[in-house]
């Protein structure tokens, strides 16, 4: 994604590069397949339908946006590209001079036809949905001058999330005209923002069924085909690299003291996972207490009826004479180290949080990328404590109170567990 490509309508697709840039036609129309070129002469470029073994399908639609001409006579609207959050707002190709309703132009007609499959209610319909390959015109510098034509930036692959009919006003004549506007969701590619273009080739191969043509599609696209609209929020591209941790970042270094502490902690609580809730509560107290606020321990909830909450505490922000108390809800999961906590598991805790409350999720595992993305992107007040941080806190607490004896520290947790359980409403912590 976001590679700059040289686009020339008459370029030889066998050439890898043109003028020092990757040749667009080399990537999109490999000569060995004998396909016609995927052109970008218009804003909305239809690839002709094929008659595949399982019926007709449109392989793809190539979209080219031209920011430099936005607001002019030929393009009186402004497309919006927010690649970091996987969203594009794209206007159809209707103009003030077009006779008829949206759909009279070839481009809008192709998008309206595609929309029927993109909003499909079952996977067989969505499987036929043509992916939208997005490009936008860019300027480059060469030999001391700016070149404004012949170069495009690849902006990813999108599905149609929403299509609306709108009325626009031509800035030159003042006349109004109908058009369509689409909200496009750019799908996440996970593997370094790379699209396997064999997917495009397979979509154009009439000897492959629509299902077979998915073999090189991004996993995110396959998930959308399988699950439909509910999957969109989870497959949308988001750039949050600075806040999202990899699995390796969340695990202790192999053969380290932290790795040994994590393994010992997991094995100790594996047969008594309810007791792990008290350890999670104590770890949360250590972490939140070092934030500058005052942490007050509360209680553990009864097993089986927690609804996503294992412990309750309070966090007082401010000075002694002037502060505000916050309810803290905690979730504990003792799982095999390295195993992943899903977005759905995190969502259970988030669903219990009221305005002004804070959540903590403590686990011996790691948080999946999507779980972290949803917490960061939706700005949930939830602290995620994974395996590495947990192990560090166990070592610190064992050293401070048990002379470094981890086993003795963990045994003390089990001994105190039963006395910490109570059945109370979370908000009662505010008056404690």
Protein backbone atom coordinates (compact mmCIF):
# COMPACT_ATOMS: atom_id res chain seq x y z
CA UNK A 1 0.00 0.00 0.00
CA UNK A 2 0.90 3.63 -0.64
CA UNK A 3 3.48 2.71 -3.29
CA UNK A 4 3.80 5.23 -6.12
CA UNK A 5 3.26 3.61 -9.52
CA UNK A 6 3.91 4.91 -13.04
CA UNK A 7 0.70 4.82 -15.02
CA UNK A 8 0.76 5.22 -18.80
CA UNK A 9 -2.15 3.87 -20.81
CA UNK A 10 0.06 2.55 -23.61
CA UNK A 11 2.83 1.13 -21.44
CA UNK A 12 4.22 -2.34 -22.09
CA UNK A 13 3.02 -4.58 -19.23
CA UNK A 14 6.15 -6.73 -19.53
CA UNK A 15 8.32 -3.88 -18.21
CA UNK A 16 8.81 -3.91 -14.44
CA UNK A 17 9.69 -0.22 -14.21
CA UNK A 18 8.96 2.98 -16.08
CA UNK A 19 10.86 6.20 -15.42
CA UNK A 20 12.23 4.83 -12.16
CA UNK A 21 8.85 3.72 -10.74
CA UNK A 22 7.03 0.39 -10.70
CA UNK A 23 4.97 -0.06 -13.86
CA UNK A 24 1.26 -0.12 -12.95
CA UNK A 25 0.40 -2.43 -15.86
CA UNK A 26 3.15 -4.91 -14.95
CA UNK A 27 1.49 -5.37 -11.56
CA UNK A 28 -2.15 -5.41 -12.61
CA UNK A 29 -2.05 -7.13 -16.03
CA UNK A 30 0.65 -9.85 -16.14
CA UNK A 31 1.48 -10.72 -19.75
CA UNK A 32 1.55 -14.47 -19.03
CA UNK A 33 -2.21 -14.48 -18.39
CA UNK A 34 -3.13 -12.59 -21.54
CA UNK A 35 -5.60 -10.34 -19.70
CA UNK A 36 -6.61 -6.97 -21.04
CA UNK A 37 -5.16 -4.03 -19.16
CA UNK A 38 -6.92 -2.66 -16.09
CA UNK A 39 -7.16 0.98 -17.13
CA UNK A 40 -7.35 4.10 -14.98
CA UNK A 41 -8.53 6.54 -17.63
CA UNK A 42 -11.72 7.39 -15.72
CA UNK A 43 -12.53 7.81 -12.06
CA UNK A 44 -14.50 4.56 -11.94
CA UNK A 45 -12.99 1.86 -14.16
CA UNK A 46 -14.97 -1.31 -14.70
CA UNK A 47 -13.24 -4.55 -15.52
CA UNK A 48 -15.52 -6.44 -17.88
CA UNK A 49 -17.68 -9.24 -16.51
CA UNK A 50 -16.44 -12.77 -17.09
CA UNK A 51 -18.41 -15.99 -17.47
CA UNK A 52 -16.79 -18.20 -14.85
CA UNK A 53 -17.43 -21.87 -14.15
CA UNK A 54 -20.00 -20.94 -11.50
CA UNK A 55 -21.62 -18.07 -13.38
CA UNK A 56 -20.92 -14.45 -14.31
CA UNK A 57 -18.94 -12.10 -12.08
CA UNK A 58 -17.23 -8.74 -12.28
CA UNK A 59 -13.61 -9.33 -11.23
CA UNK A 60 -12.95 -5.89 -9.75
CA UNK A 61 -13.47 -2.15 -10.05
CA UNK A 62 -10.48 0.18 -10.15
CA UNK A 63 -11.12 3.58 -8.57
CA UNK A 64 -8.93 6.59 -9.29
CA UNK A 65 -9.36 9.81 -7.35
CA UNK A 66 -7.77 13.02 -8.61
CA UNK A 67 -7.31 15.42 -5.66
CA UNK A 68 -5.65 17.98 -7.90
CA UNK A 69 -8.80 18.48 -9.97
CA UNK A 70 -11.25 18.50 -7.05
CA UNK A 71 -13.41 21.60 -7.02
CA UNK A 72 -13.02 22.16 -10.74
CA UNK A 73 -15.54 21.98 -13.53
CA UNK A 74 -14.87 18.32 -14.31
CA UNK A 75 -14.72 17.26 -10.67
CA UNK A 76 -16.72 19.61 -8.44
CA UNK A 77 -16.58 17.36 -5.39
CA UNK A 78 -13.87 16.39 -2.93
CA UNK A 79 -13.16 12.74 -2.17
CA UNK A 80 -11.91 12.12 1.38
CA UNK A 81 -9.11 9.64 2.05
CA UNK A 82 -8.34 8.67 5.66
CA UNK A 83 -6.02 5.72 5.11
CA UNK A 84 -4.86 5.53 8.74
CA UNK A 85 -8.43 4.75 9.82
CA UNK A 86 -9.37 2.74 6.72
CA UNK A 87 -12.06 5.08 5.43
CA UNK A 88 -12.68 6.71 2.06
CA UNK A 89 -15.66 8.86 1.12
CA UNK A 90 -15.97 8.71 -2.64
CA UNK A 91 -18.36 10.53 -4.97
CA UNK A 92 -19.76 8.99 -8.14
CA UNK A 93 -19.10 10.24 -11.67
CA UNK A 94 -22.38 12.07 -12.30
CA UNK A 95 -21.87 15.64 -13.56
CA UNK A 96 -24.12 18.63 -14.02
CA UNK A 97 -24.24 17.87 -17.75
CA UNK A 98 -25.29 14.24 -17.25
CA UNK A 99 -28.81 13.47 -18.41
CA UNK A 100 -30.72 11.15 -16.10
CA UNK A 101 -30.51 9.84 -12.57
CA UNK A 102 -27.41 8.31 -10.96
CA UNK A 103 -26.76 5.13 -12.88
CA UNK A 104 -26.90 6.85 -16.25
CA UNK A 105 -23.10 6.93 -16.30
CA UNK A 106 -21.10 3.73 -16.74
CA UNK A 107 -19.14 4.26 -13.53
CA UNK A 108 -22.10 4.90 -11.25
CA UNK A 109 -23.97 2.03 -12.83
CA UNK A 110 -21.07 -0.32 -12.01
CA UNK A 111 -21.00 0.87 -8.39
CA UNK A 112 -24.76 0.48 -7.99
CA UNK A 113 -24.53 -3.05 -9.37
CA UNK A 114 -21.61 -3.84 -7.06
CA UNK A 115 -23.51 -2.47 -4.07
CA UNK A 116 -26.11 -5.22 -4.43
CA UNK A 117 -23.39 -7.79 -3.73
CA UNK A 118 -21.54 -5.76 -1.08
CA UNK A 119 -24.72 -5.51 0.98
CA UNK A 120 -25.49 -9.19 0.40
CA UNK A 121 -27.06 -11.02 3.32
CA UNK A 122 -25.33 -14.35 2.70
CA UNK A 123 -21.79 -15.38 1.85
CA UNK A 124 -22.67 -16.60 -1.66
CA UNK A 125 -23.69 -13.05 -2.59
CA UNK A 126 -20.69 -11.41 -0.92
CA UNK A 127 -18.37 -13.84 -2.67
CA UNK A 128 -19.41 -12.25 -5.97
CA UNK A 129 -18.78 -8.70 -4.72
CA UNK A 130 -16.05 -7.07 -6.83
CA UNK A 131 -13.26 -5.65 -4.66
CA UNK A 132 -12.55 -1.96 -5.18
CA UNK A 133 -8.86 -1.30 -5.85
CA UNK A 134 -8.18 2.30 -4.84
CA UNK A 135 -5.70 4.69 -6.44
CA UNK A 136 -5.23 8.43 -6.28
CA UNK A 137 -3.28 10.66 -8.61
CA UNK A 138 -0.10 12.15 -7.15
CA UNK A 139 2.67 14.50 -8.24
CA UNK A 140 6.34 13.50 -8.33
CA UNK A 141 9.60 15.42 -8.64
CA UNK A 142 11.95 14.54 -11.48
CA UNK A 143 14.91 16.43 -12.91
CA UNK A 144 14.10 19.49 -10.83
CA UNK A 145 10.48 19.81 -11.91
CA UNK A 146 7.09 18.68 -10.68
CA UNK A 147 5.19 16.18 -12.82
CA UNK A 148 1.45 16.21 -12.15
CA UNK A 149 0.26 13.45 -14.48
CA UNK A 150 1.01 9.81 -15.00
CA UNK A 151 1.60 8.71 -11.40
CA UNK A 152 -0.78 7.09 -8.92
CA UNK A 153 -0.58 5.96 -5.31
CA UNK A 154 -2.06 2.58 -4.42
CA UNK A 155 -4.40 3.12 -1.46
CA UNK A 156 -5.53 -0.44 -0.79
CA UNK A 157 -8.59 -2.60 -1.39
CA UNK A 158 -12.02 -1.60 -0.13
CA UNK A 159 -15.56 -2.82 0.20
CA UNK A 160 -18.65 -0.64 0.03
CA UNK A 161 -19.84 0.02 3.56
CA UNK A 162 -22.58 2.50 2.66
CA UNK A 163 -24.06 4.03 -0.51
CA UNK A 164 -26.27 7.12 -0.46
CA UNK A 165 -27.98 9.30 -3.02
CA UNK A 166 -27.06 12.95 -2.70
CA UNK A 167 -27.58 16.29 -4.42
CA UNK A 168 -24.56 18.37 -5.36
CA UNK A 169 -24.13 21.89 -6.64
CA UNK A 170 -21.96 22.75 -9.61
CA UNK A 171 -19.65 25.60 -8.48
CA UNK A 172 -19.49 27.18 -11.94
CA UNK A 173 -23.15 27.24 -12.99
CA UNK A 174 -24.80 27.03 -9.56
CA UNK A 175 -27.03 24.23 -10.85
CA UNK A 176 -27.80 21.20 -8.70
CA UNK A 177 -27.53 17.62 -9.87
CA UNK A 178 -28.02 14.15 -8.34
CA UNK A 179 -25.15 11.82 -7.58
CA UNK A 180 -24.17 8.95 -5.32
CA UNK A 181 -21.62 9.03 -2.49
CA UNK A 182 -20.01 5.94 -1.00
CA UNK A 183 -18.34 5.21 2.31
CA UNK A 184 -15.63 2.66 1.60
CA UNK A 185 -13.92 0.50 4.22
CA UNK A 186 -10.30 -0.28 3.37
CA UNK A 187 -9.56 -3.79 4.56
CA UNK A 188 -6.62 -4.63 6.80
CA UNK A 189 -3.85 -6.68 5.20
CA UNK A 190 -1.82 -7.50 8.34
CA UNK A 191 1.27 -8.59 6.41
CA UNK A 192 3.01 -5.26 6.01
CA UNK A 193 0.26 -3.55 4.03
CA UNK A 194 0.82 -5.88 1.08
CA UNK A 195 -1.87 -7.19 -1.27
CA UNK A 196 -1.23 -10.46 -3.10
CA UNK A 197 -2.13 -9.47 -6.66
CA UNK A 198 -2.67 -13.10 -7.59
CA UNK A 199 -6.08 -12.48 -6.06
CA UNK A 200 -6.78 -10.00 -8.85
CA UNK A 201 -5.60 -12.57 -11.41
CA UNK A 202 -7.80 -15.28 -9.89
CA UNK A 203 -10.84 -13.01 -9.94
CA UNK A 204 -10.27 -12.58 -13.70
CA UNK A 205 -9.75 -16.29 -14.38
CA UNK A 206 -12.98 -17.85 -15.77
CA UNK A 207 -11.73 -21.34 -14.91
CA UNK A 208 -11.93 -20.58 -11.19
CA UNK A 209 -15.14 -20.34 -9.20
CA UNK A 210 -15.72 -17.32 -6.99
CA UNK A 211 -14.87 -19.44 -3.96
CA UNK A 212 -11.64 -20.70 -5.53
CA UNK A 213 -10.74 -17.12 -6.42
CA UNK A 214 -10.56 -16.32 -2.70
CA UNK A 215 -7.41 -18.37 -2.16
CA UNK A 216 -5.06 -15.35 -2.37
CA UNK A 217 -7.49 -12.80 -0.92
CA UNK A 218 -6.56 -11.04 2.34
CA UNK A 219 -7.79 -12.85 5.45
CA UNK A 220 -9.81 -9.76 6.29
CA UNK A 221 -11.72 -10.00 3.01
CA UNK A 222 -12.39 -13.71 3.57
CA UNK A 223 -13.73 -12.93 7.02
CA UNK A 224 -16.08 -10.31 5.61
CA UNK A 225 -17.31 -12.78 2.98
CA UNK A 226 -18.00 -15.27 5.76
CA UNK A 227 -19.48 -12.95 8.42
CA UNK A 228 -20.84 -9.98 6.50
CA UNK A 229 -21.45 -6.50 7.85
CA UNK A 230 -20.72 -7.26 11.54
CA UNK A 231 -17.11 -8.00 10.58
CA UNK A 232 -16.40 -4.59 9.03
CA UNK A 233 -15.30 -2.87 12.24
CA UNK A 234 -12.82 -5.67 12.88
CA UNK A 235 -11.30 -5.92 9.41
CA UNK A 236 -10.95 -2.20 8.72
CA UNK A 237 -7.39 -0.96 8.28
CA UNK A 238 -6.08 1.07 11.21
CA UNK A 239 -2.60 2.46 11.75
CA UNK A 240 -1.96 2.39 15.47
CA UNK A 241 1.53 0.93 15.45
CA UNK A 242 2.78 3.03 18.34
CA UNK A 243 0.10 1.74 20.73
CA UNK A 244 -0.53 -1.80 19.52
CA UNK A 245 1.93 -4.40 20.80
CA UNK A 246 2.98 -7.57 19.04
CA UNK A 247 2.75 -10.94 20.75
CA UNK A 248 6.52 -10.86 21.26
CA UNK A 249 6.31 -7.47 22.96
CA UNK A 250 3.77 -8.83 25.44
CA UNK A 251 5.77 -11.94 26.37
CA UNK A 252 8.87 -12.13 28.60
CA UNK A 253 12.24 -12.81 27.01
CA UNK A 254 12.81 -16.58 26.73
CA UNK A 255 14.89 -18.07 29.56
CA UNK A 256 14.58 -14.87 31.60
CA UNK A 257 13.55 -14.54 35.24
CA UNK A 258 10.25 -13.07 34.05
CA UNK A 259 9.62 -16.08 31.78
CA UNK A 260 10.24 -18.45 34.69
CA UNK A 261 7.95 -16.40 36.94
CA UNK A 262 5.19 -16.45 34.33
CA UNK A 263 5.44 -20.21 33.88
CA UNK A 264 5.39 -20.81 37.63
CA UNK A 265 2.40 -18.49 38.06
CA UNK A 266 0.41 -20.21 35.31
CA UNK A 267 1.13 -23.72 36.60
CA UNK A 268 0.31 -22.69 40.16
CA UNK A 269 -3.12 -21.30 39.26
CA UNK A 270 -3.98 -23.68 36.42
CA UNK A 271 -6.06 -25.92 38.67
CA UNK A 272 -7.45 -23.06 40.78
CA UNK A 273 -8.09 -20.27 38.35
CA UNK A 274 -10.59 -18.47 40.56
CA UNK A 275 -7.77 -17.72 43.00
CA UNK A 276 -5.93 -16.00 40.15
CA UNK A 277 -8.52 -13.23 40.43
CA UNK A 278 -6.99 -12.07 43.71
CA UNK A 279 -3.51 -11.97 42.18
CA UNK A 280 -4.93 -9.92 39.30
CA UNK A 281 -6.52 -7.50 41.77
CA UNK A 282 -3.22 -7.07 43.65
CA UNK A 283 -1.28 -6.56 40.40
CA UNK A 284 -3.82 -3.95 39.32
CA UNK A 285 -3.39 -2.17 42.64
CA UNK A 286 0.38 -2.02 42.16
CA UNK A 287 0.12 -0.68 38.61
CA UNK A 288 -2.64 1.87 39.18
CA UNK A 289 -1.18 2.90 42.53
CA UNK A 290 2.05 3.98 40.81
CA UNK A 291 0.09 6.27 38.47
CA UNK A 292 -0.09 8.99 41.12
CA UNK A 293 -3.66 8.17 42.15
CA UNK A 294 -4.61 6.35 45.36
CA UNK A 295 -5.79 2.77 44.89
CA UNK A 296 -8.21 1.19 47.38
CA UNK A 297 -8.76 -2.57 47.27
CA UNK A 298 -12.37 -3.69 47.16
CA UNK A 299 -13.59 -7.26 46.77
CA UNK A 300 -13.80 -10.25 44.46
CA UNK A 301 -17.12 -11.12 42.84
CA UNK A 302 -18.74 -14.51 43.21
CA UNK A 303 -17.74 -16.97 40.48
CA UNK A 304 -20.23 -17.64 37.72
CA UNK A 305 -22.23 -14.44 38.03
CA UNK A 306 -19.63 -11.78 37.34
CA UNK A 307 -20.83 -10.86 33.84
CA UNK A 308 -17.31 -9.84 32.83
CA UNK A 309 -16.13 -8.57 36.25
CA UNK A 310 -13.92 -10.54 38.66
CA UNK A 311 -12.92 -7.82 41.12
CA UNK A 312 -13.93 -4.31 42.16
CA UNK A 313 -11.72 -1.52 43.51
CA UNK A 314 -11.57 2.28 43.76
CA UNK A 315 -9.13 4.83 42.38
CA UNK A 316 -9.02 8.29 43.98
CA UNK A 317 -7.66 11.01 41.71
CA UNK A 318 -6.50 14.31 43.22
CA UNK A 319 -5.23 15.45 46.62
CA UNK A 320 -6.53 14.28 49.99
CA UNK A 321 -8.77 17.31 50.39
CA UNK A 322 -9.85 17.54 46.77
CA UNK A 323 -10.30 14.33 44.82
CA UNK A 324 -12.76 12.29 42.82
CA UNK A 325 -13.28 8.53 43.26
CA UNK A 326 -13.50 6.20 40.26
CA UNK A 327 -14.89 2.68 40.23
CA UNK A 328 -12.39 0.09 38.96
CA UNK A 329 -13.74 -3.12 37.42
CA UNK A 330 -11.29 -5.94 36.79
CA UNK A 331 -11.24 -9.11 34.72
CA UNK A 332 -8.71 -11.93 35.23
CA UNK A 333 -7.88 -14.70 32.75
CA UNK A 334 -5.39 -17.41 33.59
CA UNK A 335 -4.67 -18.99 30.21
CA UNK A 336 -1.74 -20.80 28.62
CA UNK A 337 1.06 -18.22 28.27
CA UNK A 338 1.14 -16.88 24.73
CA UNK A 339 -2.48 -17.70 23.97
CA UNK A 340 -4.58 -14.81 22.74
CA UNK A 341 -7.33 -12.78 24.40
CA UNK A 342 -9.98 -11.96 21.80
CA UNK A 343 -11.92 -8.72 21.21
CA UNK A 344 -15.09 -10.42 22.46
CA UNK A 345 -13.48 -11.22 25.81
CA UNK A 346 -12.33 -7.63 26.19
CA UNK A 347 -15.76 -6.36 25.13
CA UNK A 348 -17.39 -8.12 28.10
CA UNK A 349 -15.47 -5.88 30.49
CA UNK A 350 -16.06 -2.74 28.44
CA UNK A 351 -19.81 -3.44 28.39
CA UNK A 352 -19.91 -3.21 32.21
CA UNK A 353 -18.15 0.15 32.41
CA UNK A 354 -20.26 3.20 33.15
CA UNK A 355 -19.24 6.78 32.49
CA UNK A 356 -16.24 7.65 34.65
CA UNK A 357 -15.38 4.04 35.50
CA UNK A 358 -12.06 2.36 34.70
CA UNK A 359 -11.42 -1.22 33.65
CA UNK A 360 -8.40 -3.50 34.08
CA UNK A 361 -7.85 -6.80 32.26
CA UNK A 362 -5.07 -9.01 33.67
CA UNK A 363 -3.97 -12.21 31.94
CA UNK A 364 -1.15 -14.71 31.65
CA UNK A 365 -1.73 -14.55 27.89
CA UNK A 366 -1.48 -11.79 25.31
CA UNK A 367 -4.03 -9.47 23.75
CA UNK A 368 -4.79 -9.95 20.07
CA UNK A 369 -4.06 -7.11 17.70
CA UNK A 370 -7.75 -6.53 17.07
CA UNK A 371 -8.56 -6.45 20.79
CA UNK A 372 -5.93 -3.75 21.29
CA UNK A 373 -7.06 -1.82 18.21
CA UNK A 374 -10.64 -1.66 19.47
CA UNK A 375 -9.52 -0.41 22.90
CA UNK A 376 -7.27 2.28 21.40
CA UNK A 377 -9.46 3.29 18.48
CA UNK A 378 -12.63 3.55 20.57
CA UNK A 379 -10.73 5.16 23.46
CA UNK A 380 -12.01 2.71 26.05
CA UNK A 381 -10.79 3.45 29.64
CA UNK A 382 -9.32 -0.04 29.94
CA UNK A 383 -5.83 -0.99 31.16
CA UNK A 384 -4.48 -4.14 29.48
CA UNK A 385 -2.00 -6.13 31.59
CA UNK A 386 -0.45 -8.95 29.60
CA UNK A 387 1.95 -11.77 30.39
CA UNK A 388 5.19 -9.77 30.51
CA UNK A 389 3.84 -7.04 32.79
CA UNK A 390 2.18 -9.61 35.04
CA UNK A 391 5.45 -11.52 35.44
CA UNK A 392 7.34 -8.33 36.27
CA UNK A 393 4.82 -7.45 38.97
CA UNK A 394 4.91 -10.95 40.47
CA UNK A 395 8.70 -10.73 40.77
CA UNK A 396 8.49 -7.26 42.29
CA UNK A 397 5.85 -8.19 44.90
CA UNK A 398 7.60 -11.45 45.80
CA UNK A 399 10.87 -9.58 46.31
CA UNK A 400 9.23 -6.86 48.42
CA UNK A 401 7.31 -9.09 50.83
CA UNK A 402 8.57 -12.68 50.58
CA UNK A 403 12.31 -12.35 50.07
CA UNK A 404 11.96 -13.22 46.41
CA UNK A 405 10.16 -16.52 47.11
CA UNK A 406 7.53 -16.63 44.36
CA UNK A 407 5.98 -19.87 45.63
CA UNK A 408 5.40 -18.40 49.08
CA UNK A 409 3.87 -15.30 47.56
CA UNK A 410 1.48 -17.33 45.41
CA UNK A 411 0.52 -19.55 48.36
CA UNK A 412 -0.46 -16.42 50.29
CA UNK A 413 -2.83 -15.47 47.48
CA UNK A 414 -4.67 -18.78 47.76
CA UNK A 415 -4.87 -18.45 51.53
CA UNK A 416 -6.50 -15.02 51.33
CA UNK A 417 -8.85 -15.79 48.43
CA UNK A 418 -11.98 -17.00 50.27
CA UNK A 419 -12.10 -13.98 52.57
CA UNK A 420 -12.08 -11.52 49.68
CA UNK A 421 -15.31 -12.70 48.00
CA UNK A 422 -18.56 -10.81 48.50
CA UNK A 423 -21.79 -10.04 46.66
CA UNK A 424 -22.11 -6.27 46.34
CA UNK A 425 -22.89 -3.80 43.62
CA UNK A 426 -19.76 -2.17 42.11
CA UNK A 427 -20.91 1.38 42.89
CA UNK A 428 -20.94 0.56 46.62
CA UNK A 429 -17.15 0.92 46.53
CA UNK A 430 -17.61 4.69 46.28
CA UNK A 431 -18.94 4.89 49.83
CA UNK A 432 -16.38 2.53 51.31
